[in-house]
PDB file of N, CA and C in Angstrom:
ATOM      1  N   MET A   1     -64.885 119.833 -58.787  1.00  0.00           N
ATOM      2  CA  MET A   1     -63.502 120.186 -58.595  1.00  0.00           C
ATOM      3  C   MET A   1     -63.214 120.273 -57.089  1.00  0.00           C
ATOM      4  N   ALA A   2     -62.268 119.508 -56.631  1.00  0.00           N
ATOM      5  CA  ALA A   2     -61.843 119.562 -55.232  1.00  0.00           C
ATOM      6  C   ALA A   2     -60.849 120.706 -55.050  1.00  0.00           C
ATOM      7  N   ARG A   3     -61.035 121.472 -53.988  1.00  0.00           N
ATOM      8  CA  ARG A   3     -60.173 122.620 -53.713  1.00  0.00           C
ATOM      9  C   ARG A   3     -59.440 122.398 -52.401  1.00  0.00           C
ATOM     10  N   HIS A   4     -58.355 123.131 -52.202  1.00  0.00           N
ATOM     11  CA  HIS A   4     -57.631 123.049 -50.936  1.00  0.00           C
ATOM     12  C   HIS A   4     -58.567 123.321 -49.774  1.00  0.00           C
ATOM     13  N   GLY A   5     -59.456 124.274 -49.918  1.00  0.00           N
ATOM     14  CA  GLY A   5     -60.372 124.645 -48.848  1.00  0.00           C
ATOM     15  C   GLY A   5     -61.377 123.562 -48.491  1.00  0.00           C
ATOM     16  N   ASP A   6     -61.558 122.578 -49.359  1.00  0.00           N
ATOM     17  CA  ASP A   6     -62.472 121.461 -49.078  1.00  0.00           C
ATOM     18  C   ASP A   6     -61.785 120.347 -48.303  1.00  0.00           C
ATOM     19  N   CYS A   7     -60.487 120.410 -48.138  1.00  0.00           N
ATOM     20  CA  CYS A   7     -59.708 119.347 -47.506  1.00  0.00           C
ATOM     21  C   CYS A   7     -59.584 119.589 -46.005  1.00  0.00           C
ATOM     22  N   LYS A   8     -59.633 118.526 -45.224  1.00  0.00           N
ATOM     23  CA  LYS A   8     -59.525 118.696 -43.782  1.00  0.00           C
ATOM     24  C   LYS A   8     -58.097 118.998 -43.330  1.00  0.00           C
ATOM     25  N   HIS A   9     -57.130 118.875 -44.209  1.00  0.00           N
ATOM     26  CA  HIS A   9     -55.742 119.198 -43.872  1.00  0.00           C
ATOM     27  C   HIS A   9     -55.412 120.668 -44.095  1.00  0.00           C
ATOM     28  N   PHE A  10     -56.366 121.430 -44.622  1.00  0.00           N
ATOM     29  CA  PHE A  10     -56.179 122.854 -44.884  1.00  0.00           C
ATOM     30  C   PHE A  10     -56.541 123.659 -43.639  1.00  0.00           C
ATOM     31  N   ILE A  11     -55.678 124.603 -43.265  1.00  0.00           N
ATOM     32  CA  ILE A  11     -55.967 125.506 -42.156  1.00  0.00           C
ATOM     33  C   ILE A  11     -55.905 126.928 -42.703  1.00  0.00           C
ATOM     34  N   PRO A  12     -57.019 127.672 -42.625  1.00  0.00           N
ATOM     35  CA  PRO A  12     -57.021 129.029 -43.176  1.00  0.00           C
ATOM     36  C   PRO A  12     -56.158 129.976 -42.356  1.00  0.00           C
ATOM     37  N   ASP A  13     -55.831 131.094 -42.966  1.00  0.00           N
ATOM     38  CA  ASP A  13     -55.089 132.146 -42.280  1.00  0.00           C
ATOM     39  C   ASP A  13     -55.976 132.687 -41.167  1.00  0.00           C
ATOM     40  N   THR A  14     -55.596 132.472 -39.924  1.00  0.00           N
ATOM     41  CA  THR A  14     -56.456 132.863 -38.805  1.00  0.00           C
ATOM     42  C   THR A  14     -56.380 134.355 -38.498  1.00  0.00           C
ATOM     43  N   ALA A  15     -55.384 135.050 -38.981  1.00  0.00           N
ATOM     44  CA  ALA A  15     -55.303 136.486 -38.752  1.00  0.00           C
ATOM     45  C   ALA A  15     -56.337 137.232 -39.590  1.00  0.00           C
ATOM     46  N   ASN A  16     -56.707 136.677 -40.721  1.00  0.00           N
ATOM     47  CA  ASN A  16     -57.688 137.286 -41.613  1.00  0.00           C
ATOM     48  C   ASN A  16     -58.585 136.176 -42.125  1.00  0.00           C
ATOM     49  N   MET A  17     -59.747 135.997 -41.530  1.00  0.00           N
ATOM     50  CA  MET A  17     -60.632 134.887 -41.876  1.00  0.00           C
ATOM     51  C   MET A  17     -61.122 134.957 -43.320  1.00  0.00           C
ATOM     52  N   ALA A  18     -61.059 136.134 -43.938  1.00  0.00           N
ATOM     53  CA  ALA A  18     -61.498 136.256 -45.325  1.00  0.00           C
ATOM     54  C   ALA A  18     -60.335 136.146 -46.308  1.00  0.00           C
ATOM     55  N   ALA A  19     -59.164 135.789 -45.825  1.00  0.00           N
ATOM     56  CA  ALA A  19     -58.002 135.650 -46.702  1.00  0.00           C
ATOM     57  C   ALA A  19     -58.185 134.455 -47.630  1.00  0.00           C
ATOM     58  N   SER A  20     -57.586 134.520 -48.777  1.00  0.00           N
ATOM     59  CA  SER A  20     -57.712 133.414 -49.728  1.00  0.00           C
ATOM     60  C   SER A  20     -56.529 132.453 -49.638  1.00  0.00           C
ATOM     61  N   GLU A  21     -55.733 132.582 -48.592  1.00  0.00           N
ATOM     62  CA  GLU A  21     -54.590 131.693 -48.412  1.00  0.00           C
ATOM     63  C   GLU A  21     -54.652 131.009 -47.060  1.00  0.00           C
ATOM     64  N   GLY A  22     -53.922 129.927 -46.968  1.00  0.00           N
ATOM     65  CA  GLY A  22     -53.829 129.184 -45.721  1.00  0.00           C
ATOM     66  C   GLY A  22     -52.707 128.170 -45.843  1.00  0.00           C
ATOM     67  N   MET A  23     -52.674 127.235 -44.915  1.00  0.00           N
ATOM     68  CA  MET A  23     -51.604 126.234 -44.898  1.00  0.00           C
ATOM     69  C   MET A  23     -52.166 124.841 -45.149  1.00  0.00           C
ATOM     70  N   CYS A  24     -51.433 124.071 -45.925  1.00  0.00           N
ATOM     71  CA  CYS A  24     -51.739 122.661 -46.104  1.00  0.00           C
ATOM     72  C   CYS A  24     -50.794 121.897 -45.179  1.00  0.00           C
ATOM     73  N   MET A  25     -51.355 121.251 -44.188  1.00  0.00           N
ATOM     74  CA  MET A  25     -50.546 120.570 -43.188  1.00  0.00           C
ATOM     75  C   MET A  25     -49.916 119.279 -43.714  1.00  0.00           C
ATOM     76  N   GLU A  26     -50.354 118.810 -44.869  1.00  0.00           N
ATOM     77  CA  GLU A  26     -49.798 117.586 -45.454  1.00  0.00           C
ATOM     78  C   GLU A  26     -48.720 117.858 -46.497  1.00  0.00           C
ATOM     79  N   MET A  27     -48.670 119.072 -47.013  1.00  0.00           N
ATOM     80  CA  MET A  27     -47.650 119.446 -47.989  1.00  0.00           C
ATOM     81  C   MET A  27     -46.595 120.263 -47.259  1.00  0.00           C
ATOM     82  N   ALA A  28     -45.473 119.656 -46.949  1.00  0.00           N
ATOM     83  CA  ALA A  28     -44.426 120.349 -46.195  1.00  0.00           C
ATOM     84  C   ALA A  28     -43.139 120.419 -47.007  1.00  0.00           C
ATOM     85  N   ASP A  29     -42.337 121.434 -46.712  1.00  0.00           N
ATOM     86  CA  ASP A  29     -41.041 121.544 -47.375  1.00  0.00           C
ATOM     87  C   ASP A  29     -40.005 120.711 -46.628  1.00  0.00           C
ATOM     88  N   GLU A  30     -38.757 120.828 -47.021  1.00  0.00           N
ATOM     89  CA  GLU A  30     -37.703 120.001 -46.425  1.00  0.00           C
ATOM     90  C   GLU A  30     -37.473 120.320 -44.945  1.00  0.00           C
ATOM     91  N   ASP A  31     -37.897 121.495 -44.492  1.00  0.00           N
ATOM     92  CA  ASP A  31     -37.757 121.858 -43.077  1.00  0.00           C
ATOM     93  C   ASP A  31     -38.978 121.478 -42.250  1.00  0.00           C
ATOM     94  N   GLY A  32     -39.983 120.906 -42.902  1.00  0.00           N
ATOM     95  CA  GLY A  32     -41.194 120.498 -42.197  1.00  0.00           C
ATOM     96  C   GLY A  32     -42.228 121.600 -42.059  1.00  0.00           C
ATOM     97  N   MET A  33     -42.010 122.736 -42.719  1.00  0.00           N
ATOM     98  CA  MET A  33     -42.966 123.844 -42.659  1.00  0.00           C
ATOM     99  C   MET A  33     -44.090 123.590 -43.658  1.00  0.00           C
ATOM    100  N   PRO A  34     -45.350 123.805 -43.241  1.00  0.00           N
ATOM    101  CA  PRO A  34     -46.469 123.570 -44.148  1.00  0.00           C
ATOM    102  C   PRO A  34     -46.466 124.539 -45.322  1.00  0.00           C
ATOM    103  N   ALA A  35     -46.967 124.064 -46.438  1.00  0.00           N
ATOM    104  CA  ALA A  35     -47.009 124.881 -47.652  1.00  0.00           C
ATOM    105  C   ALA A  35     -48.135 125.910 -47.562  1.00  0.00           C
ATOM    106  N   ILE A  36     -47.879 127.110 -48.085  1.00  0.00           N
ATOM    107  CA  ILE A  36     -48.905 128.142 -48.190  1.00  0.00           C
ATOM    108  C   ILE A  36     -49.623 127.914 -49.515  1.00  0.00           C
ATOM    109  N   VAL A  37     -50.946 127.727 -49.442  1.00  0.00           N
ATOM    110  CA  VAL A  37     -51.731 127.419 -50.637  1.00  0.00           C
ATOM    111  C   VAL A  37     -52.942 128.337 -50.721  1.00  0.00           C
ATOM    112  N   ASN A  38     -53.498 128.447 -51.905  1.00  0.00           N
ATOM    113  CA  ASN A  38     -54.712 129.215 -52.133  1.00  0.00           C
ATOM    114  C   ASN A  38     -55.915 128.335 -51.843  1.00  0.00           C
ATOM    115  N   VAL A  39     -56.884 128.880 -51.127  1.00  0.00           N
ATOM    116  CA  VAL A  39     -58.053 128.115 -50.708  1.00  0.00           C
ATOM    117  C   VAL A  39     -58.872 127.602 -51.898  1.00  0.00           C
ATOM    118  N   PHE A  40     -58.870 128.337 -53.015  1.00  0.00           N
ATOM    119  CA  PHE A  40     -59.666 127.961 -54.180  1.00  0.00           C
ATOM    120  C   PHE A  40     -58.907 127.111 -55.191  1.00  0.00           C
ATOM    121  N   GLU A  41     -57.622 126.911 -54.994  1.00  0.00           N
ATOM    122  CA  GLU A  41     -56.797 126.190 -55.967  1.00  0.00           C
ATOM    123  C   GLU A  41     -57.218 124.720 -56.062  1.00  0.00           C
ATOM    124  N   ASP A  42     -57.306 124.231 -57.290  1.00  0.00           N
ATOM    125  CA  ASP A  42     -57.616 122.823 -57.536  1.00  0.00           C
ATOM    126  C   ASP A  42     -56.447 121.974 -57.050  1.00  0.00           C
ATOM    127  N   ILE A  43     -56.742 120.902 -56.332  1.00  0.00           N
ATOM    128  CA  ILE A  43     -55.664 120.093 -55.769  1.00  0.00           C
ATOM    129  C   ILE A  43     -55.074 119.107 -56.766  1.00  0.00           C
ATOM    130  N   LYS A  44     -55.712 118.954 -57.915  1.00  0.00           N
ATOM    131  CA  LYS A  44     -55.162 118.158 -59.019  1.00  0.00           C
ATOM    132  C   LYS A  44     -54.743 116.750 -58.605  1.00  0.00           C
ATOM    133  N   GLY A  45     -55.643 116.036 -57.949  1.00  0.00           N
ATOM    134  CA  GLY A  45     -55.387 114.634 -57.632  1.00  0.00           C
ATOM    135  C   GLY A  45     -54.418 114.390 -56.495  1.00  0.00           C
ATOM    136  N   CYS A  46     -54.400 115.243 -55.510  1.00  0.00           N
ATOM    137  CA  CYS A  46     -53.513 115.069 -54.351  1.00  0.00           C
ATOM    138  C   CYS A  46     -53.848 113.752 -53.649  1.00  0.00           C
ATOM    139  N   GLU A  47     -52.847 112.940 -53.405  1.00  0.00           N
ATOM    140  CA  GLU A  47     -53.057 111.640 -52.766  1.00  0.00           C
ATOM    141  C   GLU A  47     -53.450 111.773 -51.299  1.00  0.00           C
ATOM    142  N   LYS A  48     -53.143 112.910 -50.682  1.00  0.00           N
ATOM    143  CA  LYS A  48     -53.436 113.109 -49.266  1.00  0.00           C
ATOM    144  C   LYS A  48     -54.735 113.866 -49.039  1.00  0.00           C
ATOM    145  N   TYR A  49     -55.467 114.181 -50.119  1.00  0.00           N
ATOM    146  CA  TYR A  49     -56.736 114.899 -50.003  1.00  0.00           C
ATOM    147  C   TYR A  49     -57.741 114.064 -49.225  1.00  0.00           C
ATOM    148  N   ASP A  50     -58.360 114.702 -48.240  1.00  0.00           N
ATOM    149  CA  ASP A  50     -59.394 114.059 -47.437  1.00  0.00           C
ATOM    150  C   ASP A  50     -60.482 115.105 -47.223  1.00  0.00           C
ATOM    151  N   GLU A  51     -61.639 114.905 -47.838  1.00  0.00           N
ATOM    152  CA  GLU A  51     -62.694 115.915 -47.800  1.00  0.00           C
ATOM    153  C   GLU A  51     -63.169 116.169 -46.377  1.00  0.00           C
ATOM    154  N   ALA A  52     -63.286 117.444 -46.043  1.00  0.00           N
ATOM    155  CA  ALA A  52     -63.777 117.830 -44.722  1.00  0.00           C
ATOM    156  C   ALA A  52     -65.256 117.491 -44.608  1.00  0.00           C
ATOM    157  N   THR A  53     -65.638 116.926 -43.494  1.00  0.00           N
ATOM    158  CA  THR A  53     -67.043 116.575 -43.291  1.00  0.00           C
ATOM    159  C   THR A  53     -67.848 117.772 -42.818  1.00  0.00           C
ATOM    160  N   ARG A  54     -67.182 118.772 -42.304  1.00  0.00           N
ATOM    161  CA  ARG A  54     -67.873 119.958 -41.798  1.00  0.00           C
ATOM    162  C   ARG A  54     -67.079 121.199 -42.182  1.00  0.00           C
ATOM    163  N   ILE A  55     -67.739 122.133 -42.829  1.00  0.00           N
ATOM    164  CA  ILE A  55     -67.154 123.431 -43.120  1.00  0.00           C
ATOM    165  C   ILE A  55     -68.132 124.475 -42.609  1.00  0.00           C
ATOM    166  N   LYS A  56     -67.668 125.305 -41.699  1.00  0.00           N
ATOM    167  CA  LYS A  56     -68.510 126.352 -41.125  1.00  0.00           C
ATOM    168  C   LYS A  56     -68.247 127.660 -41.857  1.00  0.00           C
ATOM    169  N   THR A  57     -69.313 128.380 -42.193  1.00  0.00           N
ATOM    170  CA  THR A  57     -69.149 129.650 -42.882  1.00  0.00           C
ATOM    171  C   THR A  57     -69.670 130.817 -42.066  1.00  0.00           C
ATOM    172  N   ASP A  58     -70.258 130.564 -40.911  1.00  0.00           N
ATOM    173  CA  ASP A  58     -70.755 131.621 -40.037  1.00  0.00           C
ATOM    174  C   ASP A  58     -69.605 132.099 -39.158  1.00  0.00           C
ATOM    175  N   THR A  59     -69.133 133.311 -39.414  1.00  0.00           N
ATOM    176  CA  THR A  59     -67.978 133.811 -38.671  1.00  0.00           C
ATOM    177  C   THR A  59     -68.363 134.545 -37.403  1.00  0.00           C
ATOM    178  N   SER A  60     -69.653 134.596 -37.070  1.00  0.00           N
ATOM    179  CA  SER A  60     -70.046 135.281 -35.842  1.00  0.00           C
ATOM    180  C   SER A  60     -69.670 134.476 -34.610  1.00  0.00           C
ATOM    181  N   GLU A  61     -69.422 133.175 -34.780  1.00  0.00           N
ATOM    182  CA  GLU A  61     -68.998 132.319 -33.685  1.00  0.00           C
ATOM    183  C   GLU A  61     -67.864 131.422 -34.166  1.00  0.00           C
ATOM    184  N   PHE A  62     -67.095 130.930 -33.250  1.00  0.00           N
ATOM    185  CA  PHE A  62     -66.074 129.924 -33.521  1.00  0.00           C
ATOM    186  C   PHE A  62     -65.037 130.361 -34.548  1.00  0.00           C
ATOM    187  N   THR A  63     -64.594 131.596 -34.491  1.00  0.00           N
ATOM    188  CA  THR A  63     -63.583 132.044 -35.448  1.00  0.00           C
ATOM    189  C   THR A  63     -62.240 131.352 -35.225  1.00  0.00           C
ATOM    190  N   TRP A  64     -62.059 130.721 -34.086  1.00  0.00           N
ATOM    191  CA  TRP A  64     -60.829 129.992 -33.787  1.00  0.00           C
ATOM    192  C   TRP A  64     -60.812 128.617 -34.440  1.00  0.00           C
ATOM    193  N   ASP A  65     -61.956 128.152 -34.896  1.00  0.00           N
ATOM    194  CA  ASP A  65     -62.085 126.796 -35.429  1.00  0.00           C
ATOM    195  C   ASP A  65     -61.442 126.699 -36.807  1.00  0.00           C
ATOM    196  N   LYS A  66     -60.602 125.685 -37.014  1.00  0.00           N
ATOM    197  CA  LYS A  66     -59.915 125.526 -38.297  1.00  0.00           C
ATOM    198  C   LYS A  66     -60.860 125.158 -39.427  1.00  0.00           C
ATOM    199  N   ASP A  67     -62.103 124.790 -39.134  1.00  0.00           N
ATOM    200  CA  ASP A  67     -63.065 124.421 -40.170  1.00  0.00           C
ATOM    201  C   ASP A  67     -63.867 125.613 -40.687  1.00  0.00           C
ATOM    202  N   VAL A  68     -63.584 126.821 -40.216  1.00  0.00           N
ATOM    203  CA  VAL A  68     -64.293 128.005 -40.695  1.00  0.00           C
ATOM    204  C   VAL A  68     -63.696 128.436 -42.028  1.00  0.00           C
ATOM    205  N   ARG A  69     -64.544 128.598 -43.033  1.00  0.00           N
ATOM    206  CA  ARG A  69     -64.133 129.090 -44.348  1.00  0.00           C
ATOM    207  C   ARG A  69     -64.965 130.324 -44.651  1.00  0.00           C
ATOM    208  N   ALA A  70     -64.474 131.473 -44.250  1.00  0.00           N
ATOM    209  CA  ALA A  70     -65.239 132.710 -44.405  1.00  0.00           C
ATOM    210  C   ALA A  70     -65.183 133.280 -45.814  1.00  0.00           C
ATOM    211  N   VAL A  71     -64.261 132.824 -46.617  1.00  0.00           N
ATOM    212  CA  VAL A  71     -64.136 133.371 -47.970  1.00  0.00           C
ATOM    213  C   VAL A  71     -65.354 132.997 -48.803  1.00  0.00           C
ATOM    214  N   ARG A  72     -65.671 133.856 -49.763  1.00  0.00           N
ATOM    215  CA  ARG A  72     -66.805 133.554 -50.635  1.00  0.00           C
ATOM    216  C   ARG A  72     -66.522 132.305 -51.449  1.00  0.00           C
ATOM    217  N   GLY A  73     -67.537 131.561 -51.738  1.00  0.00           N
ATOM    218  CA  GLY A  73     -67.373 130.367 -52.550  1.00  0.00           C
ATOM    219  C   GLY A  73     -67.519 129.081 -51.760  1.00  0.00           C
ATOM    220  N   PHE A  74     -67.694 129.193 -50.449  1.00  0.00           N
ATOM    221  CA  PHE A  74     -67.907 128.009 -49.618  1.00  0.00           C
ATOM    222  C   PHE A  74     -69.254 128.114 -48.946  1.00  0.00           C
ATOM    223  N   GLU A  75     -69.947 127.006 -48.872  1.00  0.00           N
ATOM    224  CA  GLU A  75     -71.242 126.951 -48.219  1.00  0.00           C
ATOM    225  C   GLU A  75     -71.161 126.044 -47.018  1.00  0.00           C
ATOM    226  N   GLU A  76     -71.999 126.307 -46.041  1.00  0.00           N
ATOM    227  CA  GLU A  76     -72.037 125.502 -44.819  1.00  0.00           C
ATOM    228  C   GLU A  76     -72.332 124.046 -45.169  1.00  0.00           C
ATOM    229  N   LYS A  77     -71.516 123.137 -44.619  1.00  0.00           N
ATOM    230  CA  LYS A  77     -71.760 121.703 -44.812  1.00  0.00           C
ATOM    231  C   LYS A  77     -72.255 121.140 -43.517  1.00  0.00           C
TER     232      LYS A  77
END
């Protein structure tokens, strides 16, 4: 099952690295604002899904990096 958090277009909530929500930069509303999505939600065949080649789960460094997925359920790739 592909999840929003596995996609390289997903950016987690940087204020709370353990939050289960973030933004999908490819799913925008009519004003161009990115959609707020759940990191674990199944993307259900999204045409813009592009699997991230690197997901970092160590939050002791690089907390600014958009590839950090501190929430449980993700493993270092």
